[in-house]
Amino acid sequence: MVEKAHETSGPVRADGGGNSEAGDVDEVTRAVLTASRVLVGISAKSLAAVEDRVTLPQFRLLVVLSTRDSAKLVVLADLLGVNPSTAMRMTDRLIAAGLVDRRVNPESRRETLLRLTAEGRRLVDEVTARRRAAITEIVERMDPGRRAALVGALLAFSEAGSEPQVSNELELPYPLGWTDPPSRHAE
């Protein structure tokens, strides 16, 4: 068995085995942190082409809107974990950029609904396609046996983090990183 030196915990087996349960947790934590840097880099690069049009928080708002036909401002604010006034400022900028539009709710004329415009949908789809392509490129470089192991490990990691499994990144029940459904407002 080949051993490699590890920065903080001494020798670690090349097959991924650790010297103890605590060492195993530390090793897995380091591996996940390293992988998260790769994923954050991919996310940042995928947004780079549109950073002159939207900020990261604005993009999050667009992604949330992309998961539904329309939403009230107060619901969006709740889903994003921001104050309604913050969501309003973000939405106003996105409306001015032609990425979101505001319409009167046909079921209640006192309410306004927000939804993506065709251009907003294109922007979300473009960024998502860039992310998917970059991740696919990395996955294709992996040994097929390790790919299968990665799927199992990532599903277990997501389950332990209470992240719901989705078949498509645009079918998220709530924004990335927020595992609690909206609590204060119904749609």
N, C-alpha and C. Protein backbone atom coordinates (compact mmCIF):
# COMPACT_ATOMS: atom_id res chain seq x y z
N MET A 1 0.84 -1.17 0.00
CA MET A 1 0.00 0.00 0.00
C MET A 1 0.89 1.24 0.00
N VAL A 2 0.58 2.19 -0.87
CA VAL A 2 1.37 3.41 -0.99
C VAL A 2 0.89 4.40 0.06
N GLU A 3 1.83 5.07 0.71
CA GLU A 3 1.46 6.11 1.65
C GLU A 3 1.92 7.44 1.14
N LYS A 4 1.18 8.48 1.48
CA LYS A 4 1.59 9.83 1.11
C LYS A 4 1.57 10.69 2.35
N ALA A 5 2.44 11.65 2.40
CA ALA A 5 2.48 12.53 3.56
C ALA A 5 1.27 13.45 3.52
N HIS A 6 0.74 13.74 4.67
CA HIS A 6 -0.42 14.63 4.76
C HIS A 6 -0.02 15.83 5.57
N GLU A 7 -0.50 17.00 5.24
CA GLU A 7 -0.09 18.23 5.87
C GLU A 7 -0.20 18.21 7.38
N THR A 8 -1.32 17.75 7.93
CA THR A 8 -1.52 17.92 9.36
C THR A 8 -1.72 16.63 10.12
N SER A 9 -1.95 15.51 9.48
CA SER A 9 -2.31 14.32 10.26
C SER A 9 -1.38 13.14 10.03
N GLY A 10 -0.22 13.33 9.48
CA GLY A 10 0.71 12.23 9.28
C GLY A 10 0.35 11.40 8.08
N PRO A 11 0.90 10.18 8.00
CA PRO A 11 0.68 9.37 6.81
C PRO A 11 -0.77 8.95 6.65
N VAL A 12 -1.21 8.95 5.41
CA VAL A 12 -2.57 8.54 5.06
C VAL A 12 -2.45 7.56 3.91
N ARG A 13 -3.21 6.49 3.95
CA ARG A 13 -3.14 5.50 2.88
C ARG A 13 -3.66 6.09 1.58
N ALA A 14 -3.07 5.74 0.47
CA ALA A 14 -3.48 6.25 -0.84
C ALA A 14 -4.88 5.79 -1.21
N ASP A 15 -5.36 4.71 -0.59
CA ASP A 15 -6.71 4.25 -0.90
C ASP A 15 -7.78 5.03 -0.17
N GLY A 16 -7.36 6.07 0.58
CA GLY A 16 -8.33 6.92 1.25
C GLY A 16 -8.57 6.53 2.69
N GLY A 17 -8.01 5.41 3.16
CA GLY A 17 -8.22 5.00 4.54
C GLY A 17 -7.42 5.87 5.49
N GLY A 18 -7.96 6.14 6.64
CA GLY A 18 -7.28 6.95 7.63
C GLY A 18 -6.78 6.08 8.77
N ASN A 19 -6.10 6.68 9.72
CA ASN A 19 -5.55 5.95 10.86
C ASN A 19 -6.57 5.78 11.97
N SER A 20 -7.59 6.61 12.01
CA SER A 20 -8.60 6.52 13.06
C SER A 20 -9.88 7.18 12.55
N GLU A 21 -10.93 7.02 13.34
CA GLU A 21 -12.20 7.65 12.94
C GLU A 21 -12.05 9.16 12.86
N ALA A 22 -11.39 9.78 13.86
CA ALA A 22 -11.19 11.23 13.84
C ALA A 22 -10.34 11.63 12.64
N GLY A 23 -9.31 10.86 12.36
CA GLY A 23 -8.47 11.13 11.19
C GLY A 23 -9.26 11.01 9.91
N ASP A 24 -10.17 10.03 9.85
CA ASP A 24 -11.01 9.84 8.68
C ASP A 24 -11.92 11.05 8.47
N VAL A 25 -12.50 11.55 9.57
CA VAL A 25 -13.37 12.73 9.47
C VAL A 25 -12.55 13.93 9.00
N ASP A 26 -11.36 14.10 9.55
CA ASP A 26 -10.49 15.21 9.12
C ASP A 26 -10.11 15.07 7.65
N GLU A 27 -9.78 13.87 7.23
CA GLU A 27 -9.39 13.64 5.84
C GLU A 27 -10.56 13.92 4.88
N VAL A 28 -11.73 13.45 5.25
CA VAL A 28 -12.92 13.69 4.41
C VAL A 28 -13.23 15.19 4.38
N THR A 29 -13.13 15.84 5.52
CA THR A 29 -13.39 17.28 5.58
C THR A 29 -12.43 18.04 4.66
N ARG A 30 -11.15 17.69 4.71
CA ARG A 30 -10.17 18.35 3.82
C ARG A 30 -10.50 18.08 2.34
N ALA A 31 -10.89 16.85 2.04
CA ALA A 31 -11.22 16.51 0.66
C ALA A 31 -12.44 17.30 0.18
N VAL A 32 -13.45 17.42 1.04
CA VAL A 32 -14.66 18.17 0.67
C VAL A 32 -14.33 19.65 0.51
N LEU A 33 -13.51 20.19 1.40
CA LEU A 33 -13.10 21.60 1.26
C LEU A 33 -12.36 21.83 -0.05
N THR A 34 -11.48 20.90 -0.40
CA THR A 34 -10.75 21.03 -1.67
C THR A 34 -11.72 20.96 -2.85
N ALA A 35 -12.64 20.01 -2.81
CA ALA A 35 -13.63 19.89 -3.89
C ALA A 35 -14.51 21.13 -3.94
N SER A 36 -14.83 21.70 -2.78
CA SER A 36 -15.68 22.90 -2.78
C SER A 36 -14.96 24.06 -3.46
N ARG A 37 -13.63 24.13 -3.33
CA ARG A 37 -12.89 25.19 -4.04
C ARG A 37 -13.03 25.01 -5.55
N VAL A 38 -12.99 23.76 -6.00
CA VAL A 38 -13.18 23.49 -7.43
C VAL A 38 -14.56 23.96 -7.86
N LEU A 39 -15.59 23.60 -7.09
CA LEU A 39 -16.96 23.96 -7.45
C LEU A 39 -17.20 25.46 -7.36
N VAL A 40 -16.63 26.12 -6.36
CA VAL A 40 -16.78 27.57 -6.26
C VAL A 40 -16.08 28.23 -7.45
N GLY A 41 -14.93 27.70 -7.84
CA GLY A 41 -14.23 28.22 -9.02
C GLY A 41 -15.06 28.08 -10.28
N ILE A 42 -15.69 26.93 -10.44
CA ILE A 42 -16.57 26.71 -11.59
C ILE A 42 -17.73 27.69 -11.56
N SER A 43 -18.33 27.87 -10.40
CA SER A 43 -19.45 28.81 -10.27
C SER A 43 -19.02 30.22 -10.62
N ALA A 44 -17.86 30.63 -10.10
CA ALA A 44 -17.37 31.99 -10.37
C ALA A 44 -17.09 32.18 -11.86
N LYS A 45 -16.46 31.19 -12.48
CA LYS A 45 -16.17 31.30 -13.92
C LYS A 45 -17.45 31.32 -14.74
N SER A 46 -18.45 30.55 -14.31
CA SER A 46 -19.71 30.51 -15.08
C SER A 46 -20.44 31.85 -15.01
N LEU A 47 -20.24 32.58 -13.91
CA LEU A 47 -20.88 33.89 -13.76
C LEU A 47 -20.06 35.02 -14.37
N ALA A 48 -18.79 34.77 -14.64
CA ALA A 48 -17.89 35.83 -15.12
C ALA A 48 -18.41 36.48 -16.40
N ALA A 49 -18.99 35.71 -17.27
CA ALA A 49 -19.47 36.25 -18.55
C ALA A 49 -20.68 37.17 -18.37
N VAL A 50 -21.35 37.07 -17.24
CA VAL A 50 -22.54 37.91 -17.03
C VAL A 50 -22.38 38.87 -15.86
N GLU A 51 -21.16 38.94 -15.29
CA GLU A 51 -20.98 39.77 -14.10
C GLU A 51 -21.18 41.26 -14.37
N ASP A 52 -21.10 41.66 -15.64
CA ASP A 52 -21.39 43.06 -15.96
C ASP A 52 -22.90 43.33 -15.95
N ARG A 53 -23.70 42.26 -15.91
CA ARG A 53 -25.16 42.41 -15.93
C ARG A 53 -25.81 42.13 -14.58
N VAL A 54 -25.29 41.16 -13.84
CA VAL A 54 -25.90 40.78 -12.56
C VAL A 54 -24.83 40.48 -11.52
N THR A 55 -25.19 40.73 -10.27
CA THR A 55 -24.34 40.35 -9.14
C THR A 55 -24.71 38.92 -8.73
N LEU A 56 -23.90 38.32 -7.88
CA LEU A 56 -24.22 36.99 -7.38
C LEU A 56 -25.57 36.96 -6.66
N PRO A 57 -25.87 37.90 -5.75
CA PRO A 57 -27.20 37.87 -5.12
C PRO A 57 -28.34 38.02 -6.14
N GLN A 58 -28.14 38.86 -7.15
CA GLN A 58 -29.17 39.01 -8.17
C GLN A 58 -29.33 37.70 -8.96
N PHE A 59 -28.22 37.03 -9.23
CA PHE A 59 -28.30 35.76 -9.93
C PHE A 59 -29.07 34.73 -9.10
N ARG A 60 -28.82 34.72 -7.78
CA ARG A 60 -29.58 33.82 -6.91
C ARG A 60 -31.07 34.09 -7.04
N LEU A 61 -31.45 35.36 -7.09
CA LEU A 61 -32.86 35.72 -7.25
C LEU A 61 -33.39 35.17 -8.58
N LEU A 62 -32.61 35.32 -9.63
CA LEU A 62 -33.03 34.80 -10.94
C LEU A 62 -33.20 33.29 -10.90
N VAL A 63 -32.30 32.59 -10.23
CA VAL A 63 -32.41 31.13 -10.12
C VAL A 63 -33.67 30.75 -9.36
N VAL A 64 -33.95 31.45 -8.27
CA VAL A 64 -35.17 31.16 -7.51
C VAL A 64 -36.39 31.39 -8.39
N LEU A 65 -36.42 32.49 -9.12
CA LEU A 65 -37.56 32.75 -10.02
C LEU A 65 -37.66 31.70 -11.12
N SER A 66 -36.51 31.16 -11.54
CA SER A 66 -36.53 30.17 -12.62
C SER A 66 -37.17 28.86 -12.18
N THR A 67 -37.30 28.65 -10.87
CA THR A 67 -37.89 27.41 -10.37
C THR A 67 -39.41 27.49 -10.24
N ARG A 68 -39.97 28.63 -10.59
CA ARG A 68 -41.42 28.83 -10.46
C ARG A 68 -41.90 29.74 -11.59
N ASP A 69 -43.18 29.72 -11.86
CA ASP A 69 -43.72 30.58 -12.91
C ASP A 69 -43.63 32.05 -12.52
N SER A 70 -44.01 32.33 -11.29
CA SER A 70 -43.98 33.70 -10.78
C SER A 70 -43.98 33.63 -9.26
N ALA A 71 -43.66 34.77 -8.65
CA ALA A 71 -43.65 34.81 -7.19
C ALA A 71 -43.92 36.24 -6.72
N LYS A 72 -44.52 36.34 -5.54
CA LYS A 72 -44.69 37.65 -4.91
C LYS A 72 -43.35 38.06 -4.33
N LEU A 73 -43.14 39.35 -4.22
CA LEU A 73 -41.89 39.88 -3.69
C LEU A 73 -41.60 39.35 -2.29
N VAL A 74 -42.61 39.31 -1.44
CA VAL A 74 -42.41 38.87 -0.07
C VAL A 74 -41.99 37.40 -0.02
N VAL A 75 -42.49 36.58 -0.94
CA VAL A 75 -42.10 35.18 -1.02
C VAL A 75 -40.65 35.07 -1.47
N LEU A 76 -40.29 35.85 -2.47
CA LEU A 76 -38.89 35.86 -2.94
C LEU A 76 -37.95 36.25 -1.81
N ALA A 77 -38.30 37.29 -1.10
CA ALA A 77 -37.46 37.75 0.02
C ALA A 77 -37.29 36.62 1.03
N ASP A 78 -38.36 35.95 1.35
CA ASP A 78 -38.32 34.84 2.30
C ASP A 78 -37.42 33.71 1.79
N LEU A 79 -37.60 33.34 0.53
CA LEU A 79 -36.79 32.28 -0.06
C LEU A 79 -35.30 32.62 -0.08
N LEU A 80 -34.99 33.88 -0.29
CA LEU A 80 -33.60 34.32 -0.35
C LEU A 80 -33.02 34.65 1.02
N GLY A 81 -33.89 34.74 2.01
CA GLY A 81 -33.42 35.07 3.35
C GLY A 81 -32.99 36.53 3.48
N VAL A 82 -33.69 37.42 2.75
CA VAL A 82 -33.38 38.85 2.81
C VAL A 82 -34.65 39.62 3.18
N ASN A 83 -34.48 40.88 3.55
CA ASN A 83 -35.63 41.74 3.83
C ASN A 83 -36.36 42.06 2.53
N PRO A 84 -37.67 42.27 2.59
CA PRO A 84 -38.41 42.64 1.38
C PRO A 84 -37.84 43.88 0.70
N SER A 85 -37.33 44.85 1.47
CA SER A 85 -36.77 46.05 0.85
C SER A 85 -35.52 45.72 0.04
N THR A 86 -34.72 44.77 0.52
CA THR A 86 -33.53 44.34 -0.23
C THR A 86 -33.97 43.62 -1.51
N ALA A 87 -34.95 42.74 -1.38
CA ALA A 87 -35.46 42.03 -2.55
C ALA A 87 -36.05 43.02 -3.56
N MET A 88 -36.71 44.07 -3.07
CA MET A 88 -37.29 45.08 -3.96
C MET A 88 -36.20 45.80 -4.75
N ARG A 89 -35.13 46.20 -4.07
CA ARG A 89 -34.03 46.88 -4.77
C ARG A 89 -33.40 45.97 -5.82
N MET A 90 -33.19 44.70 -5.46
CA MET A 90 -32.62 43.74 -6.41
C MET A 90 -33.55 43.58 -7.61
N THR A 91 -34.84 43.43 -7.33
CA THR A 91 -35.81 43.22 -8.40
C THR A 91 -35.90 44.44 -9.30
N ASP A 92 -35.89 45.62 -8.72
CA ASP A 92 -35.94 46.84 -9.53
C ASP A 92 -34.77 46.90 -10.52
N ARG A 93 -33.59 46.52 -10.05
CA ARG A 93 -32.42 46.52 -10.95
C ARG A 93 -32.57 45.46 -12.04
N LEU A 94 -33.11 44.30 -11.69
CA LEU A 94 -33.30 43.23 -12.67
C LEU A 94 -34.40 43.59 -13.67
N ILE A 95 -35.41 44.31 -13.22
CA ILE A 95 -36.46 44.78 -14.14
C ILE A 95 -35.85 45.79 -15.11
N ALA A 96 -35.05 46.72 -14.59
CA ALA A 96 -34.39 47.72 -15.45
C ALA A 96 -33.47 47.06 -16.46
N ALA A 97 -32.87 45.92 -16.08
CA ALA A 97 -31.97 45.19 -16.98
C ALA A 97 -32.73 44.31 -17.96
N GLY A 98 -34.06 44.24 -17.82
CA GLY A 98 -34.87 43.43 -18.73
C GLY A 98 -34.85 41.94 -18.42
N LEU A 99 -34.47 41.57 -17.20
CA LEU A 99 -34.37 40.16 -16.83
C LEU A 99 -35.57 39.64 -16.03
N VAL A 100 -36.31 40.57 -15.44
CA VAL A 100 -37.49 40.23 -14.64
C VAL A 100 -38.59 41.21 -15.03
N ASP A 101 -39.83 40.75 -14.97
CA ASP A 101 -40.94 41.71 -15.15
C ASP A 101 -41.92 41.56 -14.00
N ARG A 102 -42.71 42.61 -13.85
CA ARG A 102 -43.68 42.72 -12.76
C ARG A 102 -45.06 42.81 -13.39
N ARG A 103 -45.98 42.00 -12.86
CA ARG A 103 -47.36 42.00 -13.38
C ARG A 103 -48.35 41.94 -12.23
N VAL A 104 -49.53 42.44 -12.49
CA VAL A 104 -50.60 42.35 -11.51
C VAL A 104 -51.07 40.91 -11.45
N ASN A 105 -51.29 40.41 -10.25
CA ASN A 105 -51.77 39.06 -10.04
C ASN A 105 -53.22 38.99 -10.53
N PRO A 106 -53.52 38.15 -11.53
CA PRO A 106 -54.88 38.08 -12.04
C PRO A 106 -55.89 37.57 -11.00
N GLU A 107 -55.39 36.87 -9.96
CA GLU A 107 -56.28 36.34 -8.93
C GLU A 107 -56.53 37.34 -7.80
N SER A 108 -55.65 38.32 -7.68
CA SER A 108 -55.80 39.34 -6.64
C SER A 108 -55.13 40.61 -7.14
N ARG A 109 -55.92 41.53 -7.62
CA ARG A 109 -55.38 42.73 -8.27
C ARG A 109 -54.56 43.61 -7.33
N ARG A 110 -54.63 43.33 -6.03
CA ARG A 110 -53.82 44.11 -5.08
C ARG A 110 -52.38 43.59 -5.01
N GLU A 111 -52.12 42.43 -5.58
CA GLU A 111 -50.79 41.83 -5.51
C GLU A 111 -50.06 41.95 -6.84
N THR A 112 -48.75 42.02 -6.71
CA THR A 112 -47.88 42.05 -7.89
C THR A 112 -47.07 40.76 -7.91
N LEU A 113 -46.95 40.20 -9.09
CA LEU A 113 -46.15 38.99 -9.26
C LEU A 113 -44.90 39.31 -10.08
N LEU A 114 -43.81 38.64 -9.76
CA LEU A 114 -42.56 38.80 -10.49
C LEU A 114 -42.28 37.51 -11.23
N ARG A 115 -41.70 37.65 -12.42
CA ARG A 115 -41.32 36.46 -13.17
C ARG A 115 -40.15 36.80 -14.08
N LEU A 116 -39.46 35.75 -14.50
CA LEU A 116 -38.35 35.95 -15.43
C LEU A 116 -38.86 36.36 -16.80
N THR A 117 -38.11 37.22 -17.45
CA THR A 117 -38.39 37.49 -18.86
C THR A 117 -37.67 36.41 -19.67
N ALA A 118 -37.90 36.39 -20.97
CA ALA A 118 -37.20 35.43 -21.82
C ALA A 118 -35.69 35.65 -21.71
N GLU A 119 -35.26 36.90 -21.62
CA GLU A 119 -33.83 37.20 -21.47
C GLU A 119 -33.31 36.72 -20.13
N GLY A 120 -34.09 36.86 -19.07
CA GLY A 120 -33.70 36.35 -17.76
C GLY A 120 -33.54 34.84 -17.78
N ARG A 121 -34.47 34.16 -18.42
CA ARG A 121 -34.40 32.70 -18.56
C ARG A 121 -33.15 32.30 -19.33
N ARG A 122 -32.86 33.03 -20.43
CA ARG A 122 -31.65 32.74 -21.22
C ARG A 122 -30.39 32.89 -20.38
N LEU A 123 -30.34 33.93 -19.56
CA LEU A 123 -29.17 34.17 -18.73
C LEU A 123 -28.97 33.02 -17.74
N VAL A 124 -30.03 32.61 -17.05
CA VAL A 124 -29.92 31.50 -16.10
C VAL A 124 -29.51 30.23 -16.83
N ASP A 125 -30.13 29.96 -17.97
CA ASP A 125 -29.80 28.76 -18.74
C ASP A 125 -28.35 28.78 -19.22
N GLU A 126 -27.87 29.95 -19.64
CA GLU A 126 -26.50 30.09 -20.13
C GLU A 126 -25.49 29.81 -19.02
N VAL A 127 -25.70 30.40 -17.85
CA VAL A 127 -24.79 30.19 -16.72
C VAL A 127 -24.84 28.72 -16.28
N THR A 128 -26.03 28.17 -16.20
CA THR A 128 -26.19 26.77 -15.80
C THR A 128 -25.52 25.84 -16.80
N ALA A 129 -25.65 26.11 -18.08
CA ALA A 129 -25.01 25.29 -19.11
C ALA A 129 -23.49 25.36 -18.99
N ARG A 130 -22.96 26.56 -18.69
CA ARG A 130 -21.51 26.69 -18.50
C ARG A 130 -21.04 25.85 -17.32
N ARG A 131 -21.79 25.89 -16.22
CA ARG A 131 -21.43 25.10 -15.04
C ARG A 131 -21.47 23.61 -15.35
N ARG A 132 -22.54 23.20 -16.01
CA ARG A 132 -22.69 21.78 -16.35
C ARG A 132 -21.54 21.33 -17.25
N ALA A 133 -21.17 22.13 -18.24
CA ALA A 133 -20.07 21.76 -19.15
C ALA A 133 -18.74 21.65 -18.40
N ALA A 134 -18.48 22.59 -17.51
CA ALA A 134 -17.22 22.56 -16.75
C ALA A 134 -17.16 21.34 -15.84
N ILE A 135 -18.27 21.03 -15.19
CA ILE A 135 -18.31 19.86 -14.31
C ILE A 135 -18.18 18.59 -15.14
N THR A 136 -18.87 18.53 -16.26
CA THR A 136 -18.79 17.36 -17.14
C THR A 136 -17.36 17.13 -17.60
N GLU A 137 -16.67 18.19 -17.94
CA GLU A 137 -15.27 18.09 -18.38
C GLU A 137 -14.40 17.44 -17.29
N ILE A 138 -14.62 17.84 -16.06
CA ILE A 138 -13.85 17.26 -14.95
C ILE A 138 -14.24 15.81 -14.73
N VAL A 139 -15.54 15.53 -14.72
CA VAL A 139 -16.02 14.16 -14.48
C VAL A 139 -15.51 13.22 -15.57
N GLU A 140 -15.46 13.69 -16.81
CA GLU A 140 -14.97 12.84 -17.90
C GLU A 140 -13.50 12.45 -17.73
N ARG A 141 -12.74 13.26 -17.01
CA ARG A 141 -11.33 12.94 -16.78
C ARG A 141 -11.14 11.92 -15.65
N MET A 142 -12.21 11.64 -14.93
CA MET A 142 -12.13 10.68 -13.83
C MET A 142 -12.23 9.25 -14.34
N ASP A 143 -11.61 8.34 -13.61
CA ASP A 143 -11.74 6.92 -13.88
C ASP A 143 -13.22 6.54 -13.66
N PRO A 144 -13.80 5.73 -14.58
CA PRO A 144 -15.22 5.37 -14.45
C PRO A 144 -15.59 4.77 -13.09
N GLY A 145 -14.73 3.97 -12.51
CA GLY A 145 -15.02 3.39 -11.20
C GLY A 145 -15.10 4.45 -10.12
N ARG A 146 -14.26 5.45 -10.22
CA ARG A 146 -14.29 6.54 -9.24
C ARG A 146 -15.52 7.43 -9.43
N ARG A 147 -16.01 7.53 -10.66
CA ARG A 147 -17.24 8.29 -10.90
C ARG A 147 -18.40 7.70 -10.11
N ALA A 148 -18.52 6.37 -10.19
CA ALA A 148 -19.61 5.69 -9.48
C ALA A 148 -19.48 5.91 -7.97
N ALA A 149 -18.26 5.83 -7.47
CA ALA A 149 -18.03 6.05 -6.05
C ALA A 149 -18.35 7.50 -5.68
N LEU A 150 -18.04 8.43 -6.57
CA LEU A 150 -18.32 9.84 -6.32
C LEU A 150 -19.82 10.09 -6.21
N VAL A 151 -20.59 9.47 -7.08
CA VAL A 151 -22.05 9.63 -7.02
C VAL A 151 -22.56 9.20 -5.66
N GLY A 152 -22.16 8.02 -5.21
CA GLY A 152 -22.60 7.54 -3.91
C GLY A 152 -22.16 8.45 -2.78
N ALA A 153 -20.91 8.90 -2.84
CA ALA A 153 -20.38 9.78 -1.79
C ALA A 153 -21.11 11.12 -1.77
N LEU A 154 -21.35 11.70 -2.93
CA LEU A 154 -22.03 12.99 -2.98
C LEU A 154 -23.48 12.89 -2.54
N LEU A 155 -24.14 11.81 -2.92
CA LEU A 155 -25.52 11.63 -2.47
C LEU A 155 -25.58 11.47 -0.95
N ALA A 156 -24.63 10.71 -0.39
CA ALA A 156 -24.58 10.54 1.06
C ALA A 156 -24.28 11.86 1.75
N PHE A 157 -23.35 12.63 1.19
CA PHE A 157 -22.99 13.93 1.74
C PHE A 157 -24.20 14.87 1.71
N SER A 158 -24.89 14.91 0.58
CA SER A 158 -26.07 15.77 0.45
C SER A 158 -27.16 15.35 1.42
N GLU A 159 -27.36 14.06 1.56
CA GLU A 159 -28.37 13.56 2.49
C GLU A 159 -28.00 13.94 3.92
N ALA A 160 -26.74 13.80 4.29
CA ALA A 160 -26.30 14.16 5.65
C ALA A 160 -26.47 15.66 5.89
N GLY A 161 -26.38 16.45 4.82
CA GLY A 161 -26.57 17.89 4.93
C GLY A 161 -28.01 18.31 4.75
N SER A 162 -28.93 17.36 4.66
CA SER A 162 -30.37 17.60 4.50
C SER A 162 -30.70 18.35 3.22
N GLU A 163 -29.90 18.16 2.19
CA GLU A 163 -30.19 18.79 0.90
C GLU A 163 -31.05 17.82 0.10
N PRO A 164 -32.21 18.25 -0.37
CA PRO A 164 -33.07 17.34 -1.13
C PRO A 164 -32.44 16.99 -2.47
N GLN A 165 -32.62 15.75 -2.88
CA GLN A 165 -32.10 15.32 -4.17
C GLN A 165 -33.00 15.87 -5.27
N VAL A 166 -32.38 16.38 -6.33
CA VAL A 166 -33.13 16.90 -7.46
C VAL A 166 -32.60 16.28 -8.73
N SER A 167 -33.44 16.21 -9.74
CA SER A 167 -33.00 15.63 -11.00
C SER A 167 -32.44 16.70 -11.93
N ASN A 168 -32.70 17.97 -11.63
CA ASN A 168 -32.25 19.07 -12.47
C ASN A 168 -31.98 20.24 -11.56
N GLU A 169 -30.84 20.93 -11.76
CA GLU A 169 -30.48 22.03 -10.86
C GLU A 169 -31.48 23.17 -10.88
N LEU A 170 -32.38 23.22 -11.85
CA LEU A 170 -33.39 24.27 -11.87
C LEU A 170 -34.70 23.83 -11.24
N GLU A 171 -34.72 22.65 -10.61
CA GLU A 171 -35.92 22.17 -9.94
C GLU A 171 -35.77 22.26 -8.43
N LEU A 172 -34.90 23.14 -7.97
CA LEU A 172 -34.67 23.26 -6.54
C LEU A 172 -35.93 23.75 -5.83
N PRO A 173 -36.30 23.11 -4.72
CA PRO A 173 -37.47 23.57 -3.99
C PRO A 173 -37.22 24.90 -3.29
N TYR A 174 -35.97 25.21 -3.00
CA TYR A 174 -35.58 26.48 -2.41
C TYR A 174 -34.12 26.72 -2.76
N PRO A 175 -33.61 27.91 -2.55
CA PRO A 175 -32.28 28.26 -3.05
C PRO A 175 -31.16 27.39 -2.50
N LEU A 176 -30.10 27.27 -3.28
CA LEU A 176 -28.95 26.50 -2.89
C LEU A 176 -28.45 26.91 -1.51
N GLY A 177 -28.17 25.93 -0.69
CA GLY A 177 -27.63 26.21 0.63
C GLY A 177 -28.67 26.47 1.69
N TRP A 178 -29.92 26.61 1.30
CA TRP A 178 -30.99 26.82 2.27
C TRP A 178 -31.84 25.57 2.27
N THR A 179 -31.78 24.81 3.34
CA THR A 179 -32.46 23.52 3.36
C THR A 179 -33.81 23.59 4.06
N ASP A 180 -34.18 24.75 4.57
CA ASP A 180 -35.50 24.88 5.19
C ASP A 180 -36.46 25.51 4.20
N PRO A 181 -37.63 24.92 4.03
CA PRO A 181 -38.59 25.53 3.12
C PRO A 181 -39.05 26.88 3.64
N PRO A 182 -39.63 27.70 2.80
CA PRO A 182 -40.13 29.00 3.25
C PRO A 182 -41.08 28.81 4.41
N SER A 183 -40.97 29.68 5.41
CA SER A 183 -41.74 29.46 6.61
C SER A 183 -42.81 30.51 6.86
N ARG A 184 -42.53 31.74 6.46
CA ARG A 184 -43.43 32.82 6.88
C ARG A 184 -44.55 33.11 5.89
N HIS A 185 -44.35 32.78 4.63
CA HIS A 185 -45.31 33.21 3.63
C HIS A 185 -45.67 32.07 2.70
N ALA A 186 -46.93 31.92 2.44
CA ALA A 186 -47.38 30.94 1.45
C ALA A 186 -47.44 31.63 0.11
N GLU A 187 -47.34 30.83 -0.94
CA GLU A 187 -47.44 31.43 -2.28
C GLU A 187 -48.87 31.59 -2.66
